[in-house]
Amino acid sequence: ARDELAATHAAVVMPGSGEGADTDPIAVDQARGFNELMDAFSLHHFIIRRGELLAETPEFVSFQRKYSDHWGTVLEVIRRMQALLTEYAVPLAYVDGRKLAELALDALATRSEPELLACLVNLEQVEAHMRRPGARYSGRTA
């Protein structure tokens, strides 16, 4: 029993070790459980740095899973947000994914600049950057 417990512990702690560890049901259930918890309780805040979405963060991956049924519409709004932030050369923006998804799924929303900016967690810093003289179009390259 002790050897069996040690083998189970090794397969869970060090995936890929031991025979059949790739399909260990305990490890799979733990990973699935983590993803479900992340999707349910995550703030879904993600980062756009210098106009580029950081799409590999756990928060963004969870956000993408949660809104996968409406991903085309959500992605369109993310792209508009990226374009706006690029236009003003905003170095770093934290996006509230829940607010952005609500905006994306609102059929009556115009998705104007103020509506997009309302989806930012660090709105004050971004607005201060945008109000700088010459900030607009400073992010565009010729």
N, C-alpha and C. Protein backbone atom coordinates (compact mmCIF):
# COMPACT_ATOMS: atom_id res chain seq x y z
N ALA A 1 0.83 -1.20 0.00
CA ALA A 1 0.00 0.00 0.00
C ALA A 1 0.87 1.25 0.00
N ARG A 2 1.96 1.17 0.75
CA ARG A 2 2.85 2.33 0.83
C ARG A 2 3.49 2.62 -0.53
N ASP A 3 3.92 1.56 -1.25
CA ASP A 3 4.52 1.73 -2.57
C ASP A 3 3.50 2.28 -3.56
N GLU A 4 2.27 1.83 -3.44
CA GLU A 4 1.19 2.30 -4.33
C GLU A 4 0.93 3.79 -4.10
N LEU A 5 0.92 4.22 -2.83
CA LEU A 5 0.73 5.62 -2.50
C LEU A 5 1.86 6.47 -3.05
N ALA A 6 3.10 5.99 -2.93
CA ALA A 6 4.26 6.71 -3.45
C ALA A 6 4.19 6.83 -4.97
N ALA A 7 3.77 5.78 -5.66
CA ALA A 7 3.66 5.82 -7.12
C ALA A 7 2.59 6.81 -7.54
N THR A 8 1.47 6.84 -6.85
CA THR A 8 0.39 7.79 -7.16
C THR A 8 0.86 9.21 -6.93
N HIS A 9 1.56 9.44 -5.81
CA HIS A 9 2.08 10.77 -5.50
C HIS A 9 3.07 11.23 -6.57
N ALA A 10 3.95 10.35 -7.02
CA ALA A 10 4.93 10.70 -8.04
C ALA A 10 4.25 11.05 -9.35
N ALA A 11 3.21 10.32 -9.71
CA ALA A 11 2.52 10.60 -10.97
C ALA A 11 1.79 11.93 -10.92
N VAL A 12 1.26 12.31 -9.76
CA VAL A 12 0.54 13.58 -9.63
C VAL A 12 1.51 14.74 -9.52
N VAL A 13 2.56 14.58 -8.70
CA VAL A 13 3.52 15.66 -8.48
C VAL A 13 4.40 15.87 -9.69
N MET A 14 4.80 14.79 -10.35
CA MET A 14 5.70 14.90 -11.49
C MET A 14 5.06 14.24 -12.70
N PRO A 15 4.12 14.97 -13.39
CA PRO A 15 3.50 14.38 -14.56
C PRO A 15 4.56 13.97 -15.57
N GLY A 16 4.32 12.86 -16.22
CA GLY A 16 5.26 12.37 -17.20
C GLY A 16 6.21 11.35 -16.61
N SER A 17 6.19 11.21 -15.28
CA SER A 17 7.04 10.19 -14.67
C SER A 17 6.19 8.97 -14.39
N GLY A 18 6.74 7.84 -14.54
CA GLY A 18 6.01 6.62 -14.24
C GLY A 18 5.20 6.16 -15.44
N GLU A 19 4.77 4.94 -15.37
CA GLU A 19 4.03 4.34 -16.47
C GLU A 19 2.60 4.84 -16.49
N GLY A 20 2.13 5.31 -17.64
CA GLY A 20 0.75 5.76 -17.78
C GLY A 20 0.45 7.09 -17.11
N ALA A 21 1.47 7.85 -16.76
CA ALA A 21 1.25 9.12 -16.05
C ALA A 21 0.55 10.14 -16.93
N ASP A 22 0.69 10.02 -18.26
CA ASP A 22 0.06 10.99 -19.16
C ASP A 22 -1.46 10.95 -19.06
N THR A 23 -2.01 9.81 -18.68
CA THR A 23 -3.45 9.68 -18.60
C THR A 23 -3.91 9.39 -17.18
N ASP A 24 -3.12 9.78 -16.20
CA ASP A 24 -3.46 9.56 -14.80
C ASP A 24 -4.76 10.29 -14.48
N PRO A 25 -5.81 9.56 -14.10
CA PRO A 25 -7.10 10.19 -13.85
C PRO A 25 -7.06 11.20 -12.71
N ILE A 26 -6.20 10.98 -11.73
CA ILE A 26 -6.11 11.93 -10.61
C ILE A 26 -5.55 13.26 -11.11
N ALA A 27 -4.47 13.21 -11.89
CA ALA A 27 -3.87 14.43 -12.42
C ALA A 27 -4.83 15.15 -13.35
N VAL A 28 -5.54 14.41 -14.18
CA VAL A 28 -6.50 15.01 -15.11
C VAL A 28 -7.62 15.70 -14.33
N ASP A 29 -8.14 15.02 -13.31
CA ASP A 29 -9.21 15.61 -12.50
C ASP A 29 -8.73 16.86 -11.77
N GLN A 30 -7.48 16.84 -11.28
CA GLN A 30 -6.96 18.02 -10.60
C GLN A 30 -6.81 19.19 -11.56
N ALA A 31 -6.31 18.93 -12.76
CA ALA A 31 -6.17 19.99 -13.76
C ALA A 31 -7.53 20.52 -14.17
N ARG A 32 -8.48 19.63 -14.40
CA ARG A 32 -9.83 20.04 -14.78
C ARG A 32 -10.44 20.87 -13.66
N GLY A 33 -10.25 20.43 -12.43
CA GLY A 33 -10.79 21.16 -11.29
C GLY A 33 -10.22 22.56 -11.19
N PHE A 34 -8.91 22.69 -11.43
CA PHE A 34 -8.28 24.00 -11.40
C PHE A 34 -8.86 24.90 -12.48
N ASN A 35 -9.01 24.37 -13.70
CA ASN A 35 -9.56 25.17 -14.80
C ASN A 35 -10.98 25.62 -14.49
N GLU A 36 -11.79 24.72 -13.95
CA GLU A 36 -13.17 25.07 -13.61
C GLU A 36 -13.21 26.15 -12.53
N LEU A 37 -12.35 26.02 -11.52
CA LEU A 37 -12.28 27.04 -10.48
C LEU A 37 -11.81 28.37 -11.05
N MET A 38 -10.80 28.32 -11.90
CA MET A 38 -10.28 29.54 -12.52
C MET A 38 -11.37 30.23 -13.33
N ASP A 39 -12.11 29.47 -14.11
CA ASP A 39 -13.18 30.05 -14.93
C ASP A 39 -14.28 30.65 -14.06
N ALA A 40 -14.60 29.99 -12.96
CA ALA A 40 -15.70 30.43 -12.11
C ALA A 40 -15.33 31.63 -11.24
N PHE A 41 -14.10 31.67 -10.73
CA PHE A 41 -13.76 32.68 -9.73
C PHE A 41 -12.74 33.72 -10.19
N SER A 42 -12.23 33.59 -11.37
CA SER A 42 -11.23 34.52 -11.87
C SER A 42 -11.85 35.89 -12.10
N LEU A 43 -11.06 36.91 -11.90
CA LEU A 43 -11.51 38.27 -12.23
C LEU A 43 -11.50 38.50 -13.74
N HIS A 44 -10.78 37.65 -14.45
CA HIS A 44 -10.62 37.76 -15.90
C HIS A 44 -10.06 39.11 -16.32
N HIS A 45 -9.07 39.57 -15.55
CA HIS A 45 -8.34 40.76 -15.94
C HIS A 45 -7.18 40.30 -16.81
N PHE A 46 -7.02 40.93 -17.97
CA PHE A 46 -5.90 40.56 -18.83
C PHE A 46 -5.18 41.82 -19.26
N ILE A 47 -4.03 41.64 -19.88
CA ILE A 47 -3.11 42.75 -20.15
C ILE A 47 -2.96 42.98 -21.64
N ILE A 48 -2.95 44.27 -22.01
CA ILE A 48 -2.56 44.69 -23.35
C ILE A 48 -1.36 45.60 -23.15
N ARG A 49 -0.21 45.16 -23.67
CA ARG A 49 1.03 45.92 -23.52
C ARG A 49 1.48 46.42 -24.87
N ARG A 50 1.61 47.73 -24.99
CA ARG A 50 2.02 48.38 -26.24
C ARG A 50 1.15 47.92 -27.41
N GLY A 51 -0.15 47.77 -27.14
CA GLY A 51 -1.09 47.39 -28.19
C GLY A 51 -1.17 45.90 -28.46
N GLU A 52 -0.34 45.10 -27.80
CA GLU A 52 -0.33 43.66 -28.02
C GLU A 52 -0.98 42.94 -26.84
N LEU A 53 -1.90 42.08 -27.14
CA LEU A 53 -2.58 41.28 -26.14
C LEU A 53 -1.64 40.19 -25.62
N LEU A 54 -1.55 40.05 -24.30
CA LEU A 54 -0.78 38.96 -23.71
C LEU A 54 -1.74 37.78 -23.56
N ALA A 55 -1.80 36.98 -24.62
CA ALA A 55 -2.82 35.93 -24.74
C ALA A 55 -2.45 34.62 -24.06
N GLU A 56 -1.25 34.51 -23.54
CA GLU A 56 -0.81 33.25 -22.93
C GLU A 56 -0.94 33.24 -21.42
N THR A 57 -1.44 34.31 -20.81
CA THR A 57 -1.56 34.34 -19.36
C THR A 57 -2.73 33.45 -18.92
N PRO A 58 -2.65 32.86 -17.74
CA PRO A 58 -3.75 32.02 -17.25
C PRO A 58 -5.08 32.77 -17.18
N GLU A 59 -5.03 34.04 -16.81
CA GLU A 59 -6.26 34.84 -16.73
C GLU A 59 -6.93 34.95 -18.10
N PHE A 60 -6.13 35.22 -19.14
CA PHE A 60 -6.71 35.36 -20.48
C PHE A 60 -7.20 34.03 -21.01
N VAL A 61 -6.44 32.97 -20.79
CA VAL A 61 -6.85 31.65 -21.26
C VAL A 61 -8.18 31.26 -20.61
N SER A 62 -8.33 31.55 -19.33
CA SER A 62 -9.59 31.28 -18.62
C SER A 62 -10.71 32.13 -19.20
N PHE A 63 -10.42 33.41 -19.46
CA PHE A 63 -11.40 34.32 -20.06
C PHE A 63 -11.86 33.79 -21.41
N GLN A 64 -10.92 33.32 -22.20
CA GLN A 64 -11.24 32.78 -23.52
C GLN A 64 -12.13 31.53 -23.41
N ARG A 65 -11.82 30.68 -22.46
CA ARG A 65 -12.66 29.48 -22.24
C ARG A 65 -14.07 29.87 -21.83
N LYS A 66 -14.16 30.83 -20.92
CA LYS A 66 -15.47 31.22 -20.38
C LYS A 66 -16.38 31.80 -21.46
N TYR A 67 -15.83 32.55 -22.38
CA TYR A 67 -16.64 33.21 -23.41
C TYR A 67 -16.46 32.57 -24.79
N SER A 68 -16.10 31.31 -24.82
CA SER A 68 -15.84 30.63 -26.10
C SER A 68 -17.06 30.59 -27.00
N ASP A 69 -18.25 30.55 -26.44
CA ASP A 69 -19.47 30.50 -27.26
C ASP A 69 -19.70 31.79 -28.04
N HIS A 70 -19.12 32.90 -27.55
CA HIS A 70 -19.31 34.20 -28.19
C HIS A 70 -17.96 34.81 -28.59
N TRP A 71 -16.97 33.95 -28.83
CA TRP A 71 -15.61 34.44 -28.97
C TRP A 71 -15.42 35.40 -30.15
N GLY A 72 -16.09 35.20 -31.25
CA GLY A 72 -15.94 36.09 -32.40
C GLY A 72 -16.29 37.53 -32.05
N THR A 73 -17.40 37.71 -31.37
CA THR A 73 -17.86 39.05 -30.97
C THR A 73 -16.92 39.65 -29.93
N VAL A 74 -16.50 38.84 -28.96
CA VAL A 74 -15.60 39.32 -27.91
C VAL A 74 -14.26 39.71 -28.52
N LEU A 75 -13.74 38.89 -29.42
CA LEU A 75 -12.46 39.17 -30.05
C LEU A 75 -12.51 40.46 -30.86
N GLU A 76 -13.62 40.73 -31.50
CA GLU A 76 -13.78 41.98 -32.25
C GLU A 76 -13.61 43.19 -31.32
N VAL A 77 -14.19 43.13 -30.14
CA VAL A 77 -14.08 44.24 -29.19
C VAL A 77 -12.65 44.33 -28.65
N ILE A 78 -12.02 43.19 -28.41
CA ILE A 78 -10.62 43.21 -27.98
C ILE A 78 -9.75 43.88 -29.04
N ARG A 79 -9.99 43.58 -30.29
CA ARG A 79 -9.21 44.20 -31.37
C ARG A 79 -9.44 45.71 -31.44
N ARG A 80 -10.67 46.13 -31.21
CA ARG A 80 -10.94 47.58 -31.16
C ARG A 80 -10.19 48.23 -30.01
N MET A 81 -10.18 47.54 -28.87
CA MET A 81 -9.45 48.05 -27.70
C MET A 81 -7.96 48.14 -28.03
N GLN A 82 -7.41 47.12 -28.65
CA GLN A 82 -6.00 47.14 -29.03
C GLN A 82 -5.70 48.31 -29.97
N ALA A 83 -6.56 48.54 -30.93
CA ALA A 83 -6.36 49.64 -31.88
C ALA A 83 -6.37 50.98 -31.17
N LEU A 84 -7.31 51.16 -30.24
CA LEU A 84 -7.39 52.40 -29.49
C LEU A 84 -6.13 52.61 -28.65
N LEU A 85 -5.70 51.60 -27.97
CA LEU A 85 -4.51 51.71 -27.12
C LEU A 85 -3.25 51.91 -27.95
N THR A 86 -3.20 51.32 -29.12
CA THR A 86 -2.07 51.51 -30.03
C THR A 86 -2.04 52.94 -30.56
N GLU A 87 -3.22 53.45 -30.89
CA GLU A 87 -3.32 54.81 -31.43
C GLU A 87 -2.72 55.84 -30.47
N TYR A 88 -2.89 55.62 -29.18
CA TYR A 88 -2.37 56.53 -28.16
C TYR A 88 -1.05 56.06 -27.55
N ALA A 89 -0.48 55.00 -28.08
CA ALA A 89 0.78 54.45 -27.59
C ALA A 89 0.74 54.20 -26.08
N VAL A 90 -0.36 53.62 -25.61
CA VAL A 90 -0.50 53.31 -24.19
C VAL A 90 0.43 52.14 -23.88
N PRO A 91 1.35 52.33 -22.92
CA PRO A 91 2.32 51.27 -22.66
C PRO A 91 1.73 50.03 -21.99
N LEU A 92 0.74 50.21 -21.10
CA LEU A 92 0.20 49.07 -20.37
C LEU A 92 -1.24 49.33 -19.96
N ALA A 93 -2.10 48.39 -20.28
CA ALA A 93 -3.51 48.50 -19.91
C ALA A 93 -3.98 47.18 -19.33
N TYR A 94 -4.71 47.27 -18.23
CA TYR A 94 -5.33 46.10 -17.61
C TYR A 94 -6.81 46.14 -17.95
N VAL A 95 -7.27 45.11 -18.65
CA VAL A 95 -8.65 45.06 -19.13
C VAL A 95 -9.48 44.18 -18.20
N ASP A 96 -10.64 44.69 -17.81
CA ASP A 96 -11.60 43.90 -17.05
C ASP A 96 -12.38 43.07 -18.06
N GLY A 97 -12.05 41.80 -18.18
CA GLY A 97 -12.65 40.94 -19.19
C GLY A 97 -14.16 40.82 -19.06
N ARG A 98 -14.67 40.83 -17.84
CA ARG A 98 -16.12 40.72 -17.65
C ARG A 98 -16.83 41.94 -18.24
N LYS A 99 -16.29 43.12 -17.97
CA LYS A 99 -16.90 44.33 -18.53
C LYS A 99 -16.80 44.33 -20.05
N LEU A 100 -15.65 43.91 -20.56
CA LEU A 100 -15.47 43.87 -22.01
C LEU A 100 -16.45 42.88 -22.65
N ALA A 101 -16.64 41.73 -22.03
CA ALA A 101 -17.57 40.73 -22.56
C ALA A 101 -19.01 41.27 -22.52
N GLU A 102 -19.37 41.96 -21.44
CA GLU A 102 -20.71 42.56 -21.36
C GLU A 102 -20.91 43.55 -22.50
N LEU A 103 -19.89 44.36 -22.77
CA LEU A 103 -19.96 45.32 -23.87
C LEU A 103 -20.08 44.60 -25.20
N ALA A 104 -19.30 43.56 -25.38
CA ALA A 104 -19.32 42.80 -26.63
C ALA A 104 -20.68 42.15 -26.87
N LEU A 105 -21.30 41.66 -25.81
CA LEU A 105 -22.57 40.93 -25.94
C LEU A 105 -23.79 41.84 -25.92
N ASP A 106 -23.59 43.13 -25.69
CA ASP A 106 -24.69 44.10 -25.72
C ASP A 106 -24.93 44.52 -27.17
N ALA A 107 -26.02 44.04 -27.74
CA ALA A 107 -26.33 44.31 -29.15
C ALA A 107 -26.56 45.79 -29.43
N LEU A 108 -26.93 46.55 -28.41
CA LEU A 108 -27.22 47.97 -28.61
C LEU A 108 -26.03 48.88 -28.34
N ALA A 109 -24.94 48.33 -27.84
CA ALA A 109 -23.76 49.14 -27.53
C ALA A 109 -23.10 49.62 -28.81
N THR A 110 -22.63 50.86 -28.77
CA THR A 110 -21.94 51.43 -29.93
C THR A 110 -20.45 51.10 -29.92
N ARG A 111 -19.96 50.68 -28.77
CA ARG A 111 -18.54 50.36 -28.59
C ARG A 111 -17.67 51.57 -28.89
N SER A 112 -18.12 52.69 -28.37
CA SER A 112 -17.39 53.94 -28.55
C SER A 112 -16.14 53.98 -27.68
N GLU A 113 -15.33 55.00 -27.88
CA GLU A 113 -14.11 55.14 -27.09
C GLU A 113 -14.41 55.17 -25.58
N PRO A 114 -15.37 55.96 -25.11
CA PRO A 114 -15.66 55.94 -23.67
C PRO A 114 -16.15 54.58 -23.17
N GLU A 115 -16.91 53.86 -23.99
CA GLU A 115 -17.37 52.53 -23.59
C GLU A 115 -16.21 51.56 -23.50
N LEU A 116 -15.29 51.64 -24.44
CA LEU A 116 -14.11 50.77 -24.40
C LEU A 116 -13.24 51.10 -23.18
N LEU A 117 -13.02 52.39 -22.94
CA LEU A 117 -12.18 52.80 -21.82
C LEU A 117 -12.80 52.40 -20.48
N ALA A 118 -14.11 52.34 -20.40
CA ALA A 118 -14.78 51.93 -19.16
C ALA A 118 -14.47 50.49 -18.79
N CYS A 119 -13.91 49.72 -19.72
CA CYS A 119 -13.55 48.32 -19.46
C CYS A 119 -12.14 48.19 -18.89
N LEU A 120 -11.46 49.29 -18.65
CA LEU A 120 -10.09 49.23 -18.15
C LEU A 120 -10.04 49.30 -16.64
N VAL A 121 -9.21 48.48 -16.05
CA VAL A 121 -9.01 48.48 -14.61
C VAL A 121 -8.16 49.70 -14.21
N ASN A 122 -7.17 50.02 -15.01
CA ASN A 122 -6.28 51.16 -14.73
C ASN A 122 -6.66 52.37 -15.59
N LEU A 123 -7.94 52.67 -15.60
CA LEU A 123 -8.48 53.76 -16.43
C LEU A 123 -7.79 55.10 -16.16
N GLU A 124 -7.57 55.42 -14.90
CA GLU A 124 -6.97 56.73 -14.58
C GLU A 124 -5.59 56.88 -15.21
N GLN A 125 -4.77 55.85 -15.12
CA GLN A 125 -3.43 55.93 -15.70
C GLN A 125 -3.50 56.02 -17.23
N VAL A 126 -4.38 55.25 -17.83
CA VAL A 126 -4.50 55.26 -19.29
C VAL A 126 -5.02 56.62 -19.76
N GLU A 127 -6.04 57.16 -19.09
CA GLU A 127 -6.56 58.48 -19.48
C GLU A 127 -5.51 59.56 -19.31
N ALA A 128 -4.72 59.51 -18.25
CA ALA A 128 -3.66 60.49 -18.05
C ALA A 128 -2.66 60.42 -19.20
N HIS A 129 -2.34 59.22 -19.64
CA HIS A 129 -1.43 59.05 -20.77
C HIS A 129 -2.06 59.59 -22.05
N MET A 130 -3.34 59.33 -22.25
CA MET A 130 -4.02 59.75 -23.48
C MET A 130 -4.18 61.26 -23.56
N ARG A 131 -4.25 61.93 -22.41
CA ARG A 131 -4.42 63.40 -22.40
C ARG A 131 -3.12 64.14 -22.67
N ARG A 132 -2.01 63.45 -22.64
CA ARG A 132 -0.74 64.12 -22.92
C ARG A 132 -0.77 64.73 -24.32
N PRO A 133 -0.25 65.94 -24.47
CA PRO A 133 -0.20 66.53 -25.81
C PRO A 133 0.62 65.64 -26.75
N GLY A 134 0.07 65.39 -27.91
CA GLY A 134 0.75 64.59 -28.91
C GLY A 134 0.64 63.08 -28.71
N ALA A 135 -0.12 62.67 -27.73
CA ALA A 135 -0.24 61.22 -27.47
C ALA A 135 -0.99 60.52 -28.60
N ARG A 136 -2.03 61.19 -29.12
CA ARG A 136 -2.79 60.55 -30.18
C ARG A 136 -1.93 60.41 -31.43
N TYR A 137 -2.03 59.29 -32.03
CA TYR A 137 -1.30 58.93 -33.25
C TYR A 137 0.20 58.72 -33.01
N SER A 138 0.66 58.88 -31.78
CA SER A 138 2.08 58.65 -31.52
C SER A 138 2.42 57.16 -31.58
N GLY A 139 1.40 56.33 -31.48
CA GLY A 139 1.63 54.89 -31.56
C GLY A 139 1.64 54.34 -32.96
N ARG A 140 1.23 55.13 -33.90
CA ARG A 140 1.19 54.66 -35.30
C ARG A 140 2.53 54.86 -35.96
N THR A 141 2.88 53.91 -36.78
CA THR A 141 4.13 54.04 -37.53
C THR A 141 3.79 54.36 -38.98
N ALA A 142 4.67 55.09 -39.59
CA ALA A 142 4.43 55.50 -40.98
C ALA A 142 4.72 54.42 -41.96
